[in-house]
Amino acid sequence: MFVLDACAESHSGRAWIRLWCLVCDHRTAWLPARSPAVEEKGRVCPKCKGNPANVKPSGGTADKEPS
């Protein structure tokens, strides 16, 4: 997961970020940021763990065969 959006430090002295997974398109809510050097390395997605085989079909009609 990579940083999608970030905000400046709040009154508590913490910066906040939102993350985005390029594999399964999962987007997080606002999370407390770690140091910029650590965030540049990315994080493991809690949904797919970075493995495309773990991505489930969306359930839309595009995945189904015609009847």
Protein backbone atom coordinates (compact mmCIF):
# COMPACT_ATOMS: atom_id res chain seq x y z
CA MET A 1 0.00 0.00 0.00
CA PHE A 2 1.19 3.46 -0.82
CA VAL A 3 0.30 6.93 0.47
CA LEU A 4 -2.76 8.26 -1.34
CA ASP A 5 -3.26 11.43 0.71
CA ALA A 6 -1.53 13.08 3.64
CA CYS A 7 -2.21 15.99 5.96
CA ALA A 8 0.02 18.20 8.04
CA GLU A 9 0.54 17.59 11.72
CA SER A 10 -2.58 18.14 13.77
CA HIS A 11 -2.87 19.78 17.19
CA SER A 12 -1.70 16.48 18.69
CA GLY A 13 1.57 16.71 16.75
CA ARG A 14 0.72 13.71 14.54
CA ALA A 15 0.50 13.65 10.76
CA TRP A 16 -2.24 11.51 9.15
CA ILE A 17 -2.29 9.57 5.89
CA ARG A 18 -4.64 7.51 3.73
CA LEU A 19 -3.23 4.45 1.97
CA TRP A 20 -4.08 2.78 -1.34
CA CYS A 21 -3.34 -0.77 -2.51
CA LEU A 22 -2.40 -0.99 -6.18
CA VAL A 23 -3.23 -4.73 -6.26
CA CYS A 24 -6.82 -4.82 -4.94
CA ASP A 25 -7.66 -1.08 -4.96
CA HIS A 26 -8.35 -1.07 -1.18
CA ARG A 27 -8.23 2.41 0.37
CA THR A 28 -7.89 3.03 4.08
CA ALA A 29 -9.42 5.60 6.35
CA TRP A 30 -7.09 8.18 7.90
CA LEU A 31 -4.25 6.50 9.83
CA PRO A 32 -1.47 8.00 11.95
CA ALA A 33 1.65 8.34 9.84
CA ARG A 34 5.00 6.89 10.72
CA SER A 35 8.20 8.62 9.63
CA PRO A 36 8.39 9.67 5.96
CA ALA A 37 11.29 7.26 5.31
CA VAL A 38 9.25 4.32 6.61
CA GLU A 39 6.08 5.32 4.72
CA GLU A 40 8.05 5.57 1.45
CA LYS A 41 8.63 1.80 1.69
CA GLY A 42 4.86 1.17 1.80
CA ARG A 43 2.79 -1.16 3.96
CA VAL A 44 1.27 -4.61 3.44
CA CYS A 45 -2.40 -4.51 2.46
CA PRO A 46 -4.68 -6.00 5.16
CA LYS A 47 -7.07 -7.33 2.47
CA CYS A 48 -4.89 -9.00 -0.17
CA LYS A 49 -1.46 -9.07 1.55
CA GLY A 50 -0.01 -7.85 -1.79
CA ASN A 51 -0.83 -11.09 -3.59
CA PRO A 52 -3.15 -10.81 -6.64
CA ALA A 53 -4.32 -14.40 -6.02
CA ASN A 54 -6.03 -13.17 -2.81
CA VAL A 55 -8.17 -10.62 -4.70
CA LYS A 56 -11.76 -11.80 -4.89
CA PRO A 57 -13.99 -10.91 -7.86
CA SER A 58 -16.11 -7.84 -7.28
CA GLY A 59 -19.33 -9.75 -7.88
CA GLY A 60 -20.33 -7.46 -10.75
CA THR A 61 -21.87 -8.74 -13.95
CA ALA A 62 -18.57 -8.36 -15.83
CA ASP A 63 -17.20 -11.45 -14.05
CA LYS A 64 -20.14 -13.69 -14.99
CA GLU A 65 -20.69 -15.63 -18.16
CA PRO A 66 -23.70 -14.67 -20.29
CA SER A 67 -26.84 -16.70 -19.60
